[in-house]
Amino acid sequence: MLTSPTARMLSEAIESSPLTQTEIARRVGFPKPNVLSMLKNGQTKVPLTRIPALAQVLEIDQTAFLECALLEYHPEVHEVLTEVLGLPLDPDEEQLVAMYRIANLDGCIRIEGALEMTLENLFELARLAAD
């Protein structure tokens, strides 16, 4: 039985994947598939830098995977990110951030002045409609 939540999440994702471990390792950039075996058995920590690629290849939630690993491997960092930045974002917040990033590809949108007031009014209307 795995005691590492991160290893368990990875192991379940690998077992659910139609890809072989060799194919997963190749796509993620690991030189040998036995690295995956060590990660999913909890013998080696999942490198945080590999979480985005693993999540994409295994089709799992990148945010949940990263949060799981941070909480397990670096609880003090997880606590600071949660306290200071309010992370992780909930799905609605993620959607708003994604929409803003798409709209602001050229970096010219600033949330100030009339736009800020309009957004505040829009959110107030949304809150009233939800009540």
C-alpha atoms as a PDB file:
ATOM      1  CA  MET A   1       0.000   0.000   0.000  1.00  0.00           C
ATOM      2  CA  LEU A   2       1.417   3.373  -1.018  1.00  0.00           C
ATOM      3  CA  THR A   3       1.711   5.947   1.734  1.00  0.00           C
ATOM      4  CA  SER A   4       2.702   8.772  -0.604  1.00  0.00           C
ATOM      5  CA  PRO A   5      -0.386  10.582  -1.907  1.00  0.00           C
ATOM      6  CA  THR A   6       1.606  11.919  -4.859  1.00  0.00           C
ATOM      7  CA  ALA A   7       2.926   8.479  -5.793  1.00  0.00           C
ATOM      8  CA  ARG A   8      -0.583   7.057  -5.427  1.00  0.00           C
ATOM      9  CA  MET A   9      -2.043   9.737  -7.723  1.00  0.00           C
ATOM     10  CA  LEU A  10       0.684   9.082 -10.291  1.00  0.00           C
ATOM     11  CA  SER A  11       0.322   5.308 -10.030  1.00  0.00           C
ATOM     12  CA  GLU A  12      -3.452   5.475 -10.553  1.00  0.00           C
ATOM     13  CA  ALA A  13      -3.002   7.776 -13.548  1.00  0.00           C
ATOM     14  CA  ILE A  14      -0.402   5.472 -15.113  1.00  0.00           C
ATOM     15  CA  GLU A  15      -2.593   2.404 -14.543  1.00  0.00           C
ATOM     16  CA  SER A  16      -5.565   4.217 -16.124  1.00  0.00           C
ATOM     17  CA  SER A  17      -3.579   5.386 -19.131  1.00  0.00           C
ATOM     18  CA  PRO A  18      -3.783   3.494 -22.416  1.00  0.00           C
ATOM     19  CA  LEU A  19      -0.077   4.283 -22.904  1.00  0.00           C
ATOM     20  CA  THR A  20       2.741   1.981 -21.865  1.00  0.00           C
ATOM     21  CA  GLN A  21       5.220   3.177 -19.257  1.00  0.00           C
ATOM     22  CA  THR A  22       7.836   3.295 -21.987  1.00  0.00           C
ATOM     23  CA  GLU A  23       5.650   5.624 -24.058  1.00  0.00           C
ATOM     24  CA  ILE A  24       4.782   7.794 -21.041  1.00  0.00           C
ATOM     25  CA  ALA A  25       8.460   8.079 -20.092  1.00  0.00           C
ATOM     26  CA  ARG A  26       9.409   9.008 -23.649  1.00  0.00           C
ATOM     27  CA  ARG A  27       6.709  11.673 -23.930  1.00  0.00           C
ATOM     28  CA  VAL A  28       7.579  13.187 -20.552  1.00  0.00           C
ATOM     29  CA  GLY A  29      11.302  13.168 -21.270  1.00  0.00           C
ATOM     30  CA  PHE A  30      12.541  10.515 -18.857  1.00  0.00           C
ATOM     31  CA  PRO A  31      15.498   8.583 -20.285  1.00  0.00           C
ATOM     32  CA  LYS A  32      14.234   5.211 -19.011  1.00  0.00           C
ATOM     33  CA  PRO A  33      10.780   3.887 -18.074  1.00  0.00           C
ATOM     34  CA  ASN A  34      12.096   2.522 -14.760  1.00  0.00           C
ATOM     35  CA  VAL A  35      12.111   6.129 -13.497  1.00  0.00           C
ATOM     36  CA  LEU A  36       8.312   5.998 -13.646  1.00  0.00           C
ATOM     37  CA  SER A  37       8.326   2.787 -11.612  1.00  0.00           C
ATOM     38  CA  MET A  38      10.404   4.465  -8.904  1.00  0.00           C
ATOM     39  CA  LEU A  39       8.098   7.506  -8.898  1.00  0.00           C
ATOM     40  CA  LYS A  40       4.846   5.568  -8.779  1.00  0.00           C
ATOM     41  CA  ASN A  41       6.173   3.284  -6.022  1.00  0.00           C
ATOM     42  CA  GLY A  42       7.207   6.280  -3.943  1.00  0.00           C
ATOM     43  CA  GLN A  43      10.902   5.381  -4.032  1.00  0.00           C
ATOM     44  CA  THR A  44      11.670   8.750  -5.613  1.00  0.00           C
ATOM     45  CA  LYS A  45       9.783  12.022  -5.334  1.00  0.00           C
ATOM     46  CA  VAL A  46       8.029  13.265  -8.449  1.00  0.00           C
ATOM     47  CA  PRO A  47      10.085  16.242  -9.687  1.00  0.00           C
ATOM     48  CA  LEU A  48       7.875  19.321  -9.505  1.00  0.00           C
ATOM     49  CA  THR A  49       9.241  20.446 -12.868  1.00  0.00           C
ATOM     50  CA  ARG A  50       7.864  17.271 -14.488  1.00  0.00           C
ATOM     51  CA  ILE A  51       4.333  17.626 -13.110  1.00  0.00           C
ATOM     52  CA  PRO A  52       2.978  19.681 -16.043  1.00  0.00           C
ATOM     53  CA  ALA A  53       4.268  17.171 -18.618  1.00  0.00           C
ATOM     54  CA  LEU A  54       3.114  14.160 -16.593  1.00  0.00           C
ATOM     55  CA  ALA A  55      -0.323  15.690 -16.078  1.00  0.00           C
ATOM     56  CA  GLN A  56      -0.672  16.451 -19.782  1.00  0.00           C
ATOM     57  CA  VAL A  57       0.446  13.017 -20.961  1.00  0.00           C
ATOM     58  CA  LEU A  58      -1.632  11.198 -18.335  1.00  0.00           C
ATOM     59  CA  GLU A  59      -4.613  13.535 -18.789  1.00  0.00           C
ATOM     60  CA  ILE A  60      -4.949  14.395 -15.109  1.00  0.00           C
ATOM     61  CA  ASP A  61      -5.582  17.721 -13.404  1.00  0.00           C
ATOM     62  CA  GLN A  62      -2.253  19.548 -13.313  1.00  0.00           C
ATOM     63  CA  THR A  63      -3.307  21.817 -10.452  1.00  0.00           C
ATOM     64  CA  ALA A  64      -4.500  18.954  -8.238  1.00  0.00           C
ATOM     65  CA  PHE A  65      -1.333  16.965  -8.978  1.00  0.00           C
ATOM     66  CA  LEU A  66       0.934  19.925  -8.174  1.00  0.00           C
ATOM     67  CA  GLU A  67      -1.008  20.756  -5.022  1.00  0.00           C
ATOM     68  CA  CYS A  68      -0.754  17.151  -3.853  1.00  0.00           C
ATOM     69  CA  ALA A  69       3.010  17.116  -4.420  1.00  0.00           C
ATOM     70  CA  LEU A  70       3.576  20.499  -2.782  1.00  0.00           C
ATOM     71  CA  LEU A  71       1.528  19.540   0.247  1.00  0.00           C
ATOM     72  CA  GLU A  72       3.471  16.304   0.624  1.00  0.00           C
ATOM     73  CA  TYR A  73       7.003  17.407  -0.293  1.00  0.00           C
ATOM     74  CA  HIS A  74       6.993  21.076   0.748  1.00  0.00           C
ATOM     75  CA  PRO A  75       4.163  21.699   3.233  1.00  0.00           C
ATOM     76  CA  GLU A  76       5.621  25.054   4.300  1.00  0.00           C
ATOM     77  CA  VAL A  77       5.654  26.318   0.694  1.00  0.00           C
ATOM     78  CA  HIS A  78       2.108  25.041   0.202  1.00  0.00           C
ATOM     79  CA  GLU A  79       1.020  26.899   3.348  1.00  0.00           C
ATOM     80  CA  VAL A  80       2.585  30.170   2.191  1.00  0.00           C
ATOM     81  CA  LEU A  81       1.086  29.889  -1.303  1.00  0.00           C
ATOM     82  CA  THR A  82      -2.305  29.171   0.217  1.00  0.00           C
ATOM     83  CA  GLU A  83      -2.117  31.999   2.755  1.00  0.00           C
ATOM     84  CA  VAL A  84      -0.463  34.722   0.716  1.00  0.00           C
ATOM     85  CA  LEU A  85      -1.726  34.026  -2.800  1.00  0.00           C
ATOM     86  CA  GLY A  86      -4.995  32.298  -1.990  1.00  0.00           C
ATOM     87  CA  LEU A  87      -3.995  29.252  -3.988  1.00  0.00           C
ATOM     88  CA  PRO A  88      -5.237  26.982  -5.330  1.00  0.00           C
ATOM     89  CA  LEU A  89      -7.845  28.758  -7.386  1.00  0.00           C
ATOM     90  CA  ASP A  90     -11.290  27.254  -7.580  1.00  0.00           C
ATOM     91  CA  PRO A  91     -12.576  26.283 -11.054  1.00  0.00           C
ATOM     92  CA  ASP A  92     -14.465  29.574 -11.540  1.00  0.00           C
ATOM     93  CA  GLU A  93     -11.362  31.588 -10.640  1.00  0.00           C
ATOM     94  CA  GLU A  94      -9.270  29.482 -13.033  1.00  0.00           C
ATOM     95  CA  GLN A  95     -11.794  30.151 -15.792  1.00  0.00           C
ATOM     96  CA  LEU A  96     -11.686  33.913 -15.166  1.00  0.00           C
ATOM     97  CA  VAL A  97      -7.898  33.942 -15.212  1.00  0.00           C
ATOM     98  CA  ALA A  98      -7.853  31.900 -18.428  1.00  0.00           C
ATOM     99  CA  MET A  99     -10.357  34.265 -20.078  1.00  0.00           C
ATOM    100  CA  TYR A 100      -8.308  37.297 -19.042  1.00  0.00           C
ATOM    101  CA  ARG A 101      -5.087  35.768 -20.335  1.00  0.00           C
ATOM    102  CA  ILE A 102      -6.662  35.001 -23.702  1.00  0.00           C
ATOM    103  CA  ALA A 103      -8.086  38.513 -23.969  1.00  0.00           C
ATOM    104  CA  ASN A 104      -4.792  40.059 -22.890  1.00  0.00           C
ATOM    105  CA  LEU A 105      -2.346  38.205 -25.141  1.00  0.00           C
ATOM    106  CA  ASP A 106      -0.705  41.437 -26.162  1.00  0.00           C
ATOM    107  CA  GLY A 107      -0.510  42.675 -22.569  1.00  0.00           C
ATOM    108  CA  CYS A 108      -2.349  45.929 -23.138  1.00  0.00           C
ATOM    109  CA  ILE A 109      -5.333  45.415 -20.807  1.00  0.00           C
ATOM    110  CA  ARG A 110      -4.964  47.090 -17.416  1.00  0.00           C
ATOM    111  CA  ILE A 111      -7.629  46.632 -14.777  1.00  0.00           C
ATOM    112  CA  GLU A 112      -8.011  50.227 -13.695  1.00  0.00           C
ATOM    113  CA  GLY A 113     -10.354  53.145 -14.085  1.00  0.00           C
ATOM    114  CA  ALA A 114     -13.546  52.465 -16.046  1.00  0.00           C
ATOM    115  CA  LEU A 115     -12.699  48.800 -16.636  1.00  0.00           C
ATOM    116  CA  GLU A 116     -12.138  48.201 -12.930  1.00  0.00           C
ATOM    117  CA  MET A 117     -15.439  49.892 -12.055  1.00  0.00           C
ATOM    118  CA  THR A 118     -17.284  47.944 -14.740  1.00  0.00           C
ATOM    119  CA  LEU A 119     -15.882  44.653 -13.488  1.00  0.00           C
ATOM    120  CA  GLU A 120     -16.798  45.507  -9.895  1.00  0.00           C
ATOM    121  CA  ASN A 121     -20.358  46.306 -11.024  1.00  0.00           C
ATOM    122  CA  LEU A 122     -20.543  43.105 -13.054  1.00  0.00           C
ATOM    123  CA  PHE A 123     -19.429  41.010 -10.072  1.00  0.00           C
ATOM    124  CA  GLU A 124     -21.918  42.782  -7.824  1.00  0.00           C
ATOM    125  CA  LEU A 125     -24.720  42.009 -10.303  1.00  0.00           C
ATOM    126  CA  ALA A 126     -23.573  38.378 -10.446  1.00  0.00           C
ATOM    127  CA  ARG A 127     -23.587  38.189  -6.639  1.00  0.00           C
ATOM    128  CA  LEU A 128     -27.093  39.679  -6.444  1.00  0.00           C
ATOM    129  CA  ALA A 129     -28.349  37.291  -9.151  1.00  0.00           C
ATOM    130  CA  ALA A 130     -26.926  34.338  -7.211  1.00  0.00           C
ATOM    131  CA  ASP A 131     -28.801  35.326  -4.023  1.00  0.00           C
END
